[in-house]
């Protein structure tokens, strides 16, 4: 009996570690631009905070011509396609899991019993 409990805990522990191994999605073109601009400004003005500059960064990004945005967006697309090949399916699975969990929690708060197998069948 104790060996069964140990095996059960061992399995849960393994799956938890496996679950945490997916890295976040790569930063998009705008975030890459902001990071580069902030690094450049940080050298000149070391006391400046990122929050104080974020509004000016967004304004600059909106006014940038597409040709200047292209290297940032291309770098994102290249990195994202690699990320998607490696982790895309698992990330989708986790998103569905989170969505179902939120729906269950909401239904419990409202006092409704919902048959989630029926509501989440693929069409």
PDB file of N, CA and C in Angstrom:
ATOM      1  N   UNK A   1       0.824  -1.190   0.000  1.00  0.00           N
ATOM      2  CA  UNK A   1       0.000   0.000   0.000  1.00  0.00           C
ATOM      3  C   UNK A   1       0.874   1.264   0.000  1.00  0.00           C
ATOM      4  N   UNK A   2       1.900   1.281   0.862  1.00  0.00           N
ATOM      5  CA  UNK A   2       2.758   2.461   0.915  1.00  0.00           C
ATOM      6  C   UNK A   2       3.578   2.602  -0.371  1.00  0.00           C
ATOM      7  N   UNK A   3       3.927   1.459  -0.982  1.00  0.00           N
ATOM      8  CA  UNK A   3       4.675   1.538  -2.241  1.00  0.00           C
ATOM      9  C   UNK A   3       3.789   2.095  -3.356  1.00  0.00           C
ATOM     10  N   UNK A   4       2.481   1.766  -3.318  1.00  0.00           N
ATOM     11  CA  UNK A   4       1.548   2.318  -4.310  1.00  0.00           C
ATOM     12  C   UNK A   4       1.435   3.833  -4.147  1.00  0.00           C
ATOM     13  N   UNK A   5       1.364   4.289  -2.884  1.00  0.00           N
ATOM     14  CA  UNK A   5       1.286   5.734  -2.637  1.00  0.00           C
ATOM     15  C   UNK A   5       2.559   6.423  -3.123  1.00  0.00           C
ATOM     16  N   UNK A   6       3.687   5.789  -2.857  1.00  0.00           N
ATOM     17  CA  UNK A   6       4.967   6.346  -3.288  1.00  0.00           C
ATOM     18  C   UNK A   6       5.011   6.466  -4.812  1.00  0.00           C
ATOM     19  N   UNK A   7       4.582   5.415  -5.512  1.00  0.00           N
ATOM     20  CA  UNK A   7       4.573   5.447  -6.982  1.00  0.00           C
ATOM     21  C   UNK A   7       3.636   6.534  -7.495  1.00  0.00           C
ATOM     22  N   UNK A   8       2.482   6.674  -6.817  1.00  0.00           N
ATOM     23  CA  UNK A   8       1.531   7.697  -7.214  1.00  0.00           C
ATOM     24  C   UNK A   8       2.145   9.092  -7.063  1.00  0.00           C
ATOM     25  N   UNK A   9       2.803   9.341  -5.934  1.00  0.00           N
ATOM     26  CA  UNK A   9       3.460  10.632  -5.713  1.00  0.00           C
ATOM     27  C   UNK A   9       4.578  10.855  -6.722  1.00  0.00           C
ATOM     28  N   UNK A  10       5.294   9.821  -7.012  1.00  0.00           N
ATOM     29  CA  UNK A  10       6.397   9.894  -7.958  1.00  0.00           C
ATOM     30  C   UNK A  10       5.886  10.296  -9.351  1.00  0.00           C
ATOM     31  N   UNK A  11       4.770   9.665  -9.763  1.00  0.00           N
ATOM     32  CA  UNK A  11       4.179   9.994 -11.063  1.00  0.00           C
ATOM     33  C   UNK A  11       3.728  11.448 -11.095  1.00  0.00           C
ATOM     34  N   UNK A  12       3.056  11.896 -10.022  1.00  0.00           N
ATOM     35  CA  UNK A  12       2.590  13.281  -9.977  1.00  0.00           C
ATOM     36  C   UNK A  12       3.755  14.258 -10.045  1.00  0.00           C
ATOM     37  N   UNK A  13       4.814  13.945  -9.345  1.00  0.00           N
ATOM     38  CA  UNK A  13       5.977  14.814  -9.325  1.00  0.00           C
ATOM     39  C   UNK A  13       6.590  14.910 -10.724  1.00  0.00           C
ATOM     40  N   UNK A  14       6.709  13.786 -11.417  1.00  0.00           N
ATOM     41  CA  UNK A  14       7.266  13.779 -12.772  1.00  0.00           C
ATOM     42  C   UNK A  14       6.427  14.643 -13.705  1.00  0.00           C
ATOM     43  N   UNK A  15       5.117  14.477 -13.658  1.00  0.00           N
ATOM     44  CA  UNK A  15       4.263  15.231 -14.569  1.00  0.00           C
ATOM     45  C   UNK A  15       4.330  16.719 -14.263  1.00  0.00           C
ATOM     46  N   UNK A  16       4.473  17.077 -12.996  1.00  0.00           N
ATOM     47  CA  UNK A  16       4.552  18.485 -12.636  1.00  0.00           C
ATOM     48  C   UNK A  16       5.828  19.103 -13.219  1.00  0.00           C
ATOM     49  N   UNK A  17       6.919  18.407 -13.142  1.00  0.00           N
ATOM     50  CA  UNK A  17       8.172  18.908 -13.703  1.00  0.00           C
ATOM     51  C   UNK A  17       8.040  19.040 -15.217  1.00  0.00           C
ATOM     52  N   UNK A  18       7.480  18.051 -15.849  1.00  0.00           N
ATOM     53  CA  UNK A  18       7.300  18.055 -17.289  1.00  0.00           C
ATOM     54  C   UNK A  18       6.420  19.231 -17.708  1.00  0.00           C
ATOM     55  N   UNK A  19       5.396  19.525 -16.904  1.00  0.00           N
ATOM     56  CA  UNK A  19       4.448  20.581 -17.209  1.00  0.00           C
ATOM     57  C   UNK A  19       5.120  21.949 -17.233  1.00  0.00           C
ATOM     58  N   UNK A  20       6.148  22.139 -16.427  1.00  0.00           N
ATOM     59  CA  UNK A  20       6.774  23.450 -16.312  1.00  0.00           C
ATOM     60  C   UNK A  20       7.882  23.687 -17.325  1.00  0.00           C
ATOM     61  N   UNK A  21       8.153  22.741 -18.181  1.00  0.00           N
ATOM     62  CA  UNK A  21       9.294  22.857 -19.068  1.00  0.00           C
ATOM     63  C   UNK A  21       9.046  23.651 -20.347  1.00  0.00           C
ATOM     64  N   UNK A  22       7.836  24.048 -20.621  1.00  0.00           N
ATOM     65  CA  UNK A  22       7.570  24.813 -21.835  1.00  0.00           C
ATOM     66  C   UNK A  22       7.934  26.276 -21.598  1.00  0.00           C
ATOM     67  N   UNK A  23       8.828  26.825 -22.411  1.00  0.00           N
ATOM     68  CA  UNK A  23       9.173  28.242 -22.250  1.00  0.00           C
ATOM     69  C   UNK A  23       8.055  29.143 -22.767  1.00  0.00           C
ATOM     70  N   UNK A  24       8.073  30.393 -22.335  1.00  0.00           N
ATOM     71  CA  UNK A  24       7.087  31.357 -22.802  1.00  0.00           C
ATOM     72  C   UNK A  24       7.279  31.601 -24.296  1.00  0.00           C
ATOM     73  N   UNK A  25       6.228  32.146 -24.902  1.00  0.00           N
ATOM     74  CA  UNK A  25       6.342  32.512 -26.316  1.00  0.00           C
ATOM     75  C   UNK A  25       7.406  33.589 -26.467  1.00  0.00           C
ATOM     76  N   UNK A  26       8.054  33.658 -27.627  1.00  0.00           N
ATOM     77  CA  UNK A  26       9.066  34.698 -27.825  1.00  0.00           C
ATOM     78  C   UNK A  26       8.429  36.092 -27.873  1.00  0.00           C
ATOM     79  N   UNK A  27       9.187  37.127 -27.538  1.00  0.00           N
ATOM     80  CA  UNK A  27       8.626  38.487 -27.569  1.00  0.00           C
ATOM     81  C   UNK A  27       8.316  38.922 -29.000  1.00  0.00           C
ATOM     82  N   UNK A  28       7.222  39.661 -29.164  1.00  0.00           N
ATOM     83  CA  UNK A  28       6.830  40.125 -30.495  1.00  0.00           C
ATOM     84  C   UNK A  28       7.718  41.289 -30.941  1.00  0.00           C
ATOM     85  N   UNK A  29       7.482  41.785 -32.136  1.00  0.00           N
ATOM     86  CA  UNK A  29       8.320  42.832 -32.702  1.00  0.00           C
ATOM     87  C   UNK A  29       8.345  44.095 -31.858  1.00  0.00           C
ATOM     88  N   UNK A  30       7.188  44.497 -31.357  1.00  0.00           N
ATOM     89  CA  UNK A  30       7.109  45.701 -30.525  1.00  0.00           C
ATOM     90  C   UNK A  30       7.940  45.531 -29.256  1.00  0.00           C
ATOM     91  N   UNK A  31       7.825  44.392 -28.597  1.00  0.00           N
ATOM     92  CA  UNK A  31       8.585  44.167 -27.370  1.00  0.00           C
ATOM     93  C   UNK A  31      10.089  44.147 -27.643  1.00  0.00           C
ATOM     94  N   UNK A  32      10.477  43.598 -28.767  1.00  0.00           N
ATOM     95  CA  UNK A  32      11.901  43.588 -29.136  1.00  0.00           C
ATOM     96  C   UNK A  32      12.400  45.016 -29.347  1.00  0.00           C
ATOM     97  N   UNK A  33      11.582  45.818 -30.023  1.00  0.00           N
ATOM     98  CA  UNK A  33      11.939  47.216 -30.261  1.00  0.00           C
ATOM     99  C   UNK A  33      12.105  47.954 -28.926  1.00  0.00           C
ATOM    100  N   UNK A  34      11.152  47.777 -28.030  1.00  0.00           N
ATOM    101  CA  UNK A  34      11.202  48.460 -26.735  1.00  0.00           C
ATOM    102  C   UNK A  34      12.442  48.043 -25.944  1.00  0.00           C
ATOM    103  N   UNK A  35      12.743  46.763 -25.977  1.00  0.00           N
ATOM    104  CA  UNK A  35      13.903  46.259 -25.237  1.00  0.00           C
ATOM    105  C   UNK A  35      15.200  46.887 -25.770  1.00  0.00           C
ATOM    106  N   UNK A  36      15.311  46.964 -27.099  1.00  0.00           N
ATOM    107  CA  UNK A  36      16.513  47.551 -27.706  1.00  0.00           C
ATOM    108  C   UNK A  36      16.615  49.036 -27.380  1.00  0.00           C
ATOM    109  N   UNK A  37      15.507  49.756 -27.531  1.00  0.00           N
ATOM    110  CA  UNK A  37      15.494  51.198 -27.245  1.00  0.00           C
ATOM    111  C   UNK A  37      15.831  51.465 -25.783  1.00  0.00           C
ATOM    112  N   UNK A  38      15.276  50.658 -24.898  1.00  0.00           N
ATOM    113  CA  UNK A  38      15.531  50.856 -23.473  1.00  0.00           C
ATOM    114  C   UNK A  38      17.004  50.602 -23.157  1.00  0.00           C
ATOM    115  N   UNK A  39      17.583  49.582 -23.761  1.00  0.00           N
ATOM    116  CA  UNK A  39      19.003  49.284 -23.534  1.00  0.00           C
ATOM    117  C   UNK A  39      19.872  50.450 -24.017  1.00  0.00           C
ATOM    118  N   UNK A  40      19.515  51.020 -25.176  1.00  0.00           N
ATOM    119  CA  UNK A  40      20.268  52.167 -25.702  1.00  0.00           C
ATOM    120  C   UNK A  40      20.175  53.375 -24.773  1.00  0.00           C
ATOM    121  N   UNK A  41      18.965  53.646 -24.278  1.00  0.00           N
ATOM    122  CA  UNK A  41      18.769  54.797 -23.397  1.00  0.00           C
ATOM    123  C   UNK A  41      19.380  54.572 -22.017  1.00  0.00           C
ATOM    124  N   UNK A  42      19.377  53.330 -21.578  1.00  0.00           N
ATOM    125  CA  UNK A  42      19.910  53.004 -20.250  1.00  0.00           C
ATOM    126  C   UNK A  42      21.398  53.331 -20.172  1.00  0.00           C
ATOM    127  N   UNK A  43      22.117  53.178 -21.287  1.00  0.00           N
ATOM    128  CA  UNK A  43      23.540  53.522 -21.316  1.00  0.00           C
ATOM    129  C   UNK A  43      23.744  55.022 -21.106  1.00  0.00           C
ATOM    130  N   UNK A  44      22.882  55.830 -21.758  1.00  0.00           N
ATOM    131  CA  UNK A  44      23.007  57.287 -21.659  1.00  0.00           C
ATOM    132  C   UNK A  44      22.495  57.814 -20.324  1.00  0.00           C
ATOM    133  N   UNK A  45      21.329  57.322 -19.903  1.00  0.00           N
ATOM    134  CA  UNK A  45      20.692  57.785 -18.670  1.00  0.00           C
ATOM    135  C   UNK A  45      20.431  56.583 -17.772  1.00  0.00           C
ATOM    136  N   UNK A  46      21.343  56.239 -16.871  1.00  0.00           N
ATOM    137  CA  UNK A  46      21.208  55.002 -16.085  1.00  0.00           C
ATOM    138  C   UNK A  46      20.044  54.996 -15.088  1.00  0.00           C
ATOM    139  N   UNK A  47      19.544  56.170 -14.700  1.00  0.00           N
ATOM    140  CA  UNK A  47      18.487  56.226 -13.684  1.00  0.00           C
ATOM    141  C   UNK A  47      17.072  56.129 -14.252  1.00  0.00           C
ATOM    142  N   UNK A  48      16.948  56.065 -15.556  1.00  0.00           N
ATOM    143  CA  UNK A  48      15.624  56.072 -16.181  1.00  0.00           C
ATOM    144  C   UNK A  48      14.912  54.730 -15.954  1.00  0.00           C
ATOM    145  N   UNK A  49      13.583  54.789 -15.762  1.00  0.00           N
ATOM    146  CA  UNK A  49      12.816  53.557 -15.566  1.00  0.00           C
ATOM    147  C   UNK A  49      12.076  53.192 -16.847  1.00  0.00           C
ATOM    148  N   UNK A  50      11.812  51.898 -17.003  1.00  0.00           N
ATOM    149  CA  UNK A  50      11.138  51.406 -18.202  1.00  0.00           C
ATOM    150  C   UNK A  50       9.723  51.961 -18.282  1.00  0.00           C
ATOM    151  N   UNK A  51       9.057  52.035 -17.146  1.00  0.00           N
ATOM    152  CA  UNK A  51       7.666  52.499 -17.108  1.00  0.00           C
ATOM    153  C   UNK A  51       7.564  53.935 -17.608  1.00  0.00           C
ATOM    154  N   UNK A  52       8.519  54.761 -17.210  1.00  0.00           N
ATOM    155  CA  UNK A  52       8.458  56.166 -17.626  1.00  0.00           C
ATOM    156  C   UNK A  52       8.626  56.328 -19.138  1.00  0.00           C
ATOM    157  N   UNK A  53       9.265  55.359 -19.778  1.00  0.00           N
ATOM    158  CA  UNK A  53       9.513  55.462 -21.217  1.00  0.00           C
ATOM    159  C   UNK A  53       8.510  54.699 -22.076  1.00  0.00           C
ATOM    160  N   UNK A  54       7.688  53.870 -21.474  1.00  0.00           N
ATOM    161  CA  UNK A  54       6.822  52.992 -22.265  1.00  0.00           C
ATOM    162  C   UNK A  54       5.860  53.761 -23.166  1.00  0.00           C
ATOM    163  N   UNK A  55       5.326  54.891 -22.697  1.00  0.00           N
ATOM    164  CA  UNK A  55       4.417  55.675 -23.549  1.00  0.00           C
ATOM    165  C   UNK A  55       5.140  56.229 -24.769  1.00  0.00           C
ATOM    166  N   UNK A  56       6.354  56.712 -24.569  1.00  0.00           N
ATOM    167  CA  UNK A  56       7.088  57.255 -25.715  1.00  0.00           C
ATOM    168  C   UNK A  56       7.472  56.144 -26.691  1.00  0.00           C
ATOM    169  N   UNK A  57       7.785  54.946 -26.164  1.00  0.00           N
ATOM    170  CA  UNK A  57       8.112  53.815 -27.036  1.00  0.00           C
ATOM    171  C   UNK A  57       6.910  53.441 -27.900  1.00  0.00           C
ATOM    172  N   UNK A  58       5.733  53.410 -27.308  1.00  0.00           N
ATOM    173  CA  UNK A  58       4.553  53.019 -28.086  1.00  0.00           C
ATOM    174  C   UNK A  58       4.250  54.047 -29.164  1.00  0.00           C
ATOM    175  N   UNK A  59       4.427  55.309 -28.831  1.00  0.00           N
ATOM    176  CA  UNK A  59       4.199  56.366 -29.818  1.00  0.00           C
ATOM    177  C   UNK A  59       5.211  56.242 -30.969  1.00  0.00           C
ATOM    178  N   UNK A  60       6.487  56.012 -30.626  1.00  0.00           N
ATOM    179  CA  UNK A  60       7.521  55.842 -31.651  1.00  0.00           C
ATOM    180  C   UNK A  60       7.203  54.648 -32.553  1.00  0.00           C
ATOM    181  N   UNK A  61       6.770  53.543 -31.934  1.00  0.00           N
ATOM    182  CA  UNK A  61       6.485  52.323 -32.700  1.00  0.00           C
ATOM    183  C   UNK A  61       5.355  52.561 -33.697  1.00  0.00           C
ATOM    184  N   UNK A  62       4.317  53.264 -33.260  1.00  0.00           N
ATOM    185  CA  UNK A  62       3.187  53.540 -34.152  1.00  0.00           C
ATOM    186  C   UNK A  62       3.618  54.397 -35.337  1.00  0.00           C
ATOM    187  N   UNK A  63       4.558  55.316 -35.104  1.00  0.00           N
ATOM    188  CA  UNK A  63       4.983  56.232 -36.162  1.00  0.00           C
ATOM    189  C   UNK A  63       6.096  55.664 -37.047  1.00  0.00           C
ATOM    190  N   UNK A  64       6.686  54.550 -36.636  1.00  0.00           N
ATOM    191  CA  UNK A  64       7.746  53.947 -37.439  1.00  0.00           C
ATOM    192  C   UNK A  64       7.192  53.428 -38.762  1.00  0.00           C
ATOM    193  N   UNK A  65       7.913  53.627 -39.856  1.00  0.00           N
ATOM    194  CA  UNK A  65       7.479  53.032 -41.127  1.00  0.00           C
ATOM    195  C   UNK A  65       7.671  51.507 -41.087  1.00  0.00           C
ATOM    196  N   UNK A  66       6.928  50.833 -41.907  1.00  0.00           N
ATOM    197  CA  UNK A  66       6.962  49.365 -41.930  1.00  0.00           C
ATOM    198  C   UNK A  66       8.350  48.801 -42.216  1.00  0.00           C
ATOM    199  N   UNK A  67       9.139  49.518 -43.027  1.00  0.00           N
ATOM    200  CA  UNK A  67      10.480  49.031 -43.342  1.00  0.00           C
ATOM    201  C   UNK A  67      11.353  48.938 -42.092  1.00  0.00           C
ATOM    202  N   UNK A  68      11.161  49.885 -41.154  1.00  0.00           N
ATOM    203  CA  UNK A  68      11.961  49.873 -39.928  1.00  0.00           C
ATOM    204  C   UNK A  68      11.430  48.860 -38.908  1.00  0.00           C
ATOM    205  N   UNK A  69      10.158  48.534 -38.998  1.00  0.00           N
ATOM    206  CA  UNK A  69       9.565  47.528 -38.097  1.00  0.00           C
ATOM    207  C   UNK A  69       9.904  46.107 -38.557  1.00  0.00           C
ATOM    208  N   UNK A  70      10.154  45.975 -39.853  1.00  0.00           N
ATOM    209  CA  UNK A  70      10.331  44.659 -40.456  1.00  0.00           C
ATOM    210  C   UNK A  70      11.385  43.774 -39.778  1.00  0.00           C
ATOM    211  N   UNK A  71      12.586  44.273 -39.449  1.00  0.00           N
ATOM    212  CA  UNK A  71      13.574  43.376 -38.815  1.00  0.00           C
ATOM    213  C   UNK A  71      13.097  42.814 -37.469  1.00  0.00           C
ATOM    214  N   UNK A  72      12.394  43.632 -36.707  1.00  0.00           N
ATOM    215  CA  UNK A  72      11.883  43.180 -35.408  1.00  0.00           C
ATOM    216  C   UNK A  72      10.800  42.123 -35.590  1.00  0.00           C
ATOM    217  N   UNK A  73       9.884  42.403 -36.528  1.00  0.00           N
ATOM    218  CA  UNK A  73       8.789  41.456 -36.773  1.00  0.00           C
ATOM    219  C   UNK A  73       9.292  40.158 -37.401  1.00  0.00           C
ATOM    220  N   UNK A  74      10.274  40.256 -38.292  1.00  0.00           N
ATOM    221  CA  UNK A  74      10.838  39.058 -38.917  1.00  0.00           C
ATOM    222  C   UNK A  74      11.533  38.171 -37.893  1.00  0.00           C
ATOM    223  N   UNK A  75      12.267  38.811 -36.983  1.00  0.00           N
ATOM    224  CA  UNK A  75      12.946  38.042 -35.932  1.00  0.00           C
ATOM    225  C   UNK A  75      11.918  37.318 -35.066  1.00  0.00           C
ATOM    226  N   UNK A  76      10.808  38.001 -34.775  1.00  0.00           N
ATOM    227  CA  UNK A  76       9.742  37.374 -33.983  1.00  0.00           C
ATOM    228  C   UNK A  76       9.146  36.184 -34.732  1.00  0.00           C
ATOM    229  N   UNK A  77       8.822  36.375 -35.999  1.00  0.00           N
ATOM    230  CA  UNK A  77       8.188  35.302 -36.767  1.00  0.00           C
ATOM    231  C   UNK A  77       9.087  34.078 -36.875  1.00  0.00           C
ATOM    232  N   UNK A  78      10.376  34.307 -37.070  1.00  0.00           N
ATOM    233  CA  UNK A  78      11.312  33.185 -37.163  1.00  0.00           C
ATOM    234  C   UNK A  78      11.373  32.429 -35.838  1.00  0.00           C
ATOM    235  N   UNK A  79      11.503  33.175 -34.752  1.00  0.00           N
ATOM    236  CA  UNK A  79      11.597  32.533 -33.439  1.00  0.00           C
ATOM    237  C   UNK A  79      10.281  31.871 -33.047  1.00  0.00           C
ATOM    238  N   UNK A  80       9.169  32.525 -33.406  1.00  0.00           N
ATOM    239  CA  UNK A  80       7.859  31.967 -33.056  1.00  0.00           C
ATOM    240  C   UNK A  80       7.584  30.672 -33.817  1.00  0.00           C
ATOM    241  N   UNK A  81       7.990  30.611 -35.084  1.00  0.00           N
ATOM    242  CA  UNK A  81       7.732  29.379 -35.846  1.00  0.00           C
ATOM    243  C   UNK A  81       8.502  28.207 -35.239  1.00  0.00           C
ATOM    244  N   UNK A  82       9.718  28.453 -34.766  1.00  0.00           N
ATOM    245  CA  UNK A  82      10.489  27.405 -34.087  1.00  0.00           C
ATOM    246  C   UNK A  82       9.801  26.995 -32.788  1.00  0.00           C
ATOM    247  N   UNK A  83       9.352  27.988 -32.021  1.00  0.00           N
ATOM    248  CA  UNK A  83       8.663  27.723 -30.751  1.00  0.00           C
ATOM    249  C   UNK A  83       7.399  26.903 -31.000  1.00  0.00           C
ATOM    250  N   UNK A  84       6.663  27.294 -32.038  1.00  0.00           N
ATOM    251  CA  UNK A  84       5.401  26.615 -32.345  1.00  0.00           C
ATOM    252  C   UNK A  84       5.629  25.163 -32.740  1.00  0.00           C
ATOM    253  N   UNK A  85       6.694  24.902 -33.505  1.00  0.00           N
ATOM    254  CA  UNK A  85       7.006  23.522 -33.895  1.00  0.00           C
ATOM    255  C   UNK A  85       7.291  22.671 -32.666  1.00  0.00           C
ATOM    256  N   UNK A  86       8.027  23.238 -31.726  1.00  0.00           N
ATOM    257  CA  UNK A  86       8.425  22.473 -30.543  1.00  0.00           C
ATOM    258  C   UNK A  86       7.313  22.358 -29.509  1.00  0.00           C
ATOM    259  N   UNK A  87       6.604  23.476 -29.240  1.00  0.00           N
ATOM    260  CA  UNK A  87       5.710  23.522 -28.079  1.00  0.00           C
ATOM    261  C   UNK A  87       4.262  23.872 -28.402  1.00  0.00           C
ATOM    262  N   UNK A  88       3.940  24.107 -29.663  1.00  0.00           N
ATOM    263  CA  UNK A  88       2.606  24.601 -30.020  1.00  0.00           C
ATOM    264  C   UNK A  88       1.462  23.720 -29.570  1.00  0.00           C
ATOM    265  N   UNK A  89       1.559  22.427 -29.824  1.00  0.00           N
ATOM    266  CA  UNK A  89       0.457  21.515 -29.481  1.00  0.00           C
ATOM    267  C   UNK A  89       0.260  21.440 -27.967  1.00  0.00           C
ATOM    268  N   UNK A  90       1.350  21.338 -27.234  1.00  0.00           N
ATOM    269  CA  UNK A  90       1.253  21.283 -25.767  1.00  0.00           C
ATOM    270  C   UNK A  90       0.699  22.592 -25.206  1.00  0.00           C
ATOM    271  N   UNK A  91       1.078  23.714 -25.781  1.00  0.00           N
ATOM    272  CA  UNK A  91       0.575  25.011 -25.329  1.00  0.00           C
ATOM    273  C   UNK A  91      -0.929  25.100 -25.563  1.00  0.00           C
ATOM    274  N   UNK A  92      -1.404  24.633 -26.730  1.00  0.00           N
ATOM    275  CA  UNK A  92      -2.851  24.632 -27.005  1.00  0.00           C
ATOM    276  C   UNK A  92      -3.591  23.755 -26.012  1.00  0.00           C
ATOM    277  N   UNK A  93      -3.019  22.594 -25.715  1.00  0.00           N
ATOM    278  CA  UNK A  93      -3.634  21.678 -24.773  1.00  0.00           C
ATOM    279  C   UNK A  93      -3.782  22.334 -23.402  1.00  0.00           C
ATOM    280  N   UNK A  94      -2.747  23.039 -22.990  1.00  0.00           N
ATOM    281  CA  UNK A  94      -2.788  23.709 -21.690  1.00  0.00           C
ATOM    282  C   UNK A  94      -3.804  24.839 -21.668  1.00  0.00           C
ATOM    283  N   UNK A  95      -3.916  25.564 -22.781  1.00  0.00           N
ATOM    284  CA  UNK A  95      -4.902  26.647 -22.863  1.00  0.00           C
ATOM    285  C   UNK A  95      -6.314  26.088 -22.727  1.00  0.00           C
ATOM    286  N   UNK A  96      -6.574  24.977 -23.396  1.00  0.00           N
ATOM    287  CA  UNK A  96      -7.901  24.355 -23.286  1.00  0.00           C
ATOM    288  C   UNK A  96      -8.165  23.915 -21.861  1.00  0.00           C
ATOM    289  N   UNK A  97      -7.130  23.333 -21.230  1.00  0.00           N
ATOM    290  CA  UNK A  97      -7.264  22.899 -19.842  1.00  0.00           C
ATOM    291  C   UNK A  97      -7.606  24.073 -18.933  1.00  0.00           C
ATOM    292  N   UNK A  98      -6.887  25.190 -19.101  1.00  0.00           N
ATOM    293  CA  UNK A  98      -7.148  26.376 -18.280  1.00  0.00           C
ATOM    294  C   UNK A  98      -8.557  26.907 -18.512  1.00  0.00           C
ATOM    295  N   UNK A  99      -8.991  26.896 -19.768  1.00  0.00           N
ATOM    296  CA  UNK A  99     -10.325  27.399 -20.088  1.00  0.00           C
ATOM    297  C   UNK A  99     -11.394  26.549 -19.409  1.00  0.00           C
ATOM    298  N   UNK A 100     -11.235  25.222 -19.502  1.00  0.00           N
ATOM    299  CA  UNK A 100     -12.205  24.341 -18.844  1.00  0.00           C
ATOM    300  C   UNK A 100     -12.213  24.542 -17.338  1.00  0.00           C
ATOM    301  N   UNK A 101     -11.056  24.734 -16.769  1.00  0.00           N
ATOM    302  CA  UNK A 101     -10.949  24.942 -15.323  1.00  0.00           C
ATOM    303  C   UNK A 101     -11.672  26.229 -14.915  1.00  0.00           C
ATOM    304  N   UNK A 102     -11.483  27.308 -15.692  1.00  0.00           N
ATOM    305  CA  UNK A 102     -12.187  28.566 -15.400  1.00  0.00           C
ATOM    306  C   UNK A 102     -13.693  28.388 -15.502  1.00  0.00           C
ATOM    307  N   UNK A 103     -14.125  27.664 -16.540  1.00  0.00           N
ATOM    308  CA  UNK A 103     -15.563  27.452 -16.720  1.00  0.00           C
ATOM    309  C   UNK A 103     -16.156  26.633 -15.578  1.00  0.00           C
ATOM    310  N   UNK A 104     -15.433  25.615 -15.140  1.00  0.00           N
ATOM    311  CA  UNK A 104     -15.909  24.812 -14.002  1.00  0.00           C
ATOM    312  C   UNK A 104     -16.036  25.659 -12.754  1.00  0.00           C
ATOM    313  N   UNK A 105     -15.010  26.472 -12.522  1.00  0.00           N
ATOM    314  CA  UNK A 105     -15.013  27.325 -11.338  1.00  0.00           C
ATOM    315  C   UNK A 105     -16.180  28.311 -11.386  1.00  0.00           C
ATOM    316  N   UNK A 106     -16.412  28.888 -12.546  1.00  0.00           N
ATOM    317  CA  UNK A 106     -17.516  29.834 -12.704  1.00  0.00           C
ATOM    318  C   UNK A 106     -18.854  29.138 -12.472  1.00  0.00           C
ATOM    319  N   UNK A 107     -19.002  27.937 -13.019  1.00  0.00           N
ATOM    320  CA  UNK A 107     -20.243  27.184 -12.847  1.00  0.00           C
ATOM    321  C   UNK A 107     -20.452  26.824 -11.378  1.00  0.00           C
ATOM    322  N   UNK A 108     -19.392  26.463 -10.682  1.00  0.00           N
ATOM    323  CA  UNK A 108     -19.515  26.139  -9.261  1.00  0.00           C
ATOM    324  C   UNK A 108     -19.916  27.371  -8.458  1.00  0.00           C
ATOM    325  N   UNK A 109     -19.372  28.516  -8.796  1.00  0.00           N
ATOM    326  CA  UNK A 109     -19.722  29.748  -8.093  1.00  0.00           C
ATOM    327  C   UNK A 109     -21.181  30.110  -8.320  1.00  0.00           C
ATOM    328  N   UNK A 110     -21.681  29.816  -9.507  1.00  0.00           N
ATOM    329  CA  UNK A 110     -23.085  30.104  -9.811  1.00  0.00           C
ATOM    330  C   UNK A 110     -24.012  29.012  -9.309  1.00  0.00           C
ATOM    331  N   UNK A 111     -23.440  27.921  -8.858  1.00  0.00           N
ATOM    332  CA  UNK A 111     -24.251  26.829  -8.331  1.00  0.00           C
ATOM    333  C   UNK A 111     -24.808  25.916  -9.407  1.00  0.00           C
ATOM    334  N   UNK A 112     -24.313  26.006 -10.606  1.00  0.00           N
ATOM    335  CA  UNK A 112     -24.793  25.170 -11.709  1.00  0.00           C
ATOM    336  C   UNK A 112     -23.912  23.937 -11.844  1.00  0.00           C
ATOM    337  N   UNK A 113     -24.538  22.844 -12.210  1.00  0.00           N
ATOM    338  CA  UNK A 113     -23.777  21.650 -12.546  1.00  0.00           C
ATOM    339  C   UNK A 113     -23.808  21.518 -14.060  1.00  0.00           C
ATOM    340  N   UNK A 114     -22.655  21.549 -14.672  1.00  0.00           N
ATOM    341  CA  UNK A 114     -22.567  21.493 -16.124  1.00  0.00           C
ATOM    342  C   UNK A 114     -21.851  20.218 -16.512  1.00  0.00           C
ATOM    343  N   UNK A 115     -22.354  19.545 -17.542  1.00  0.00           N
ATOM    344  CA  UNK A 115     -21.699  18.361 -18.062  1.00  0.00           C
ATOM    345  C   UNK A 115     -20.633  18.827 -19.047  1.00  0.00           C
ATOM    346  N   UNK A 116     -19.402  18.923 -18.590  1.00  0.00           N
ATOM    347  CA  UNK A 116     -18.331  19.481 -19.409  1.00  0.00           C
ATOM    348  C   UNK A 116     -17.931  18.564 -20.546  1.00  0.00           C
ATOM    349  N   UNK A 117     -18.184  17.284 -20.431  1.00  0.00           N
ATOM    350  CA  UNK A 117     -17.873  16.388 -21.552  1.00  0.00           C
ATOM    351  C   UNK A 117     -18.748  16.729 -22.746  1.00  0.00           C
ATOM    352  N   UNK A 118     -20.003  17.083 -22.488  1.00  0.00           N
ATOM    353  CA  UNK A 118     -20.916  17.433 -23.579  1.00  0.00           C
ATOM    354  C   UNK A 118     -20.567  18.794 -24.179  1.00  0.00           C
ATOM    355  N   UNK A 119     -20.188  19.755 -23.337  1.00  0.00           N
ATOM    356  CA  UNK A 119     -19.949  21.104 -23.833  1.00  0.00           C
ATOM    357  C   UNK A 119     -18.606  21.257 -24.525  1.00  0.00           C
ATOM    358  N   UNK A 120     -17.674  20.321 -24.326  1.00  0.00           N
ATOM    359  CA  UNK A 120     -16.344  20.459 -24.913  1.00  0.00           C
ATOM    360  C   UNK A 120     -16.023  19.407 -25.968  1.00  0.00           C
ATOM    361  N   UNK A 121     -17.050  18.796 -26.521  1.00  0.00           N
ATOM    362  CA  UNK A 121     -16.804  17.846 -27.601  1.00  0.00           C
ATOM    363  C   UNK A 121     -16.340  18.592 -28.839  1.00  0.00           C
ATOM    364  N   UNK A 122     -15.447  17.995 -29.578  1.00  0.00           N
ATOM    365  CA  UNK A 122     -14.999  18.603 -30.823  1.00  0.00           C
ATOM    366  C   UNK A 122     -16.097  18.517 -31.860  1.00  0.00           C
ATOM    367  N   UNK A 123     -16.175  19.526 -32.657  1.00  0.00           N
ATOM    368  CA  UNK A 123     -17.228  19.575 -33.679  1.00  0.00           C
ATOM    369  C   UNK A 123     -16.711  19.131 -35.012  1.00  0.00           C
TER     370      UNK A 123
END
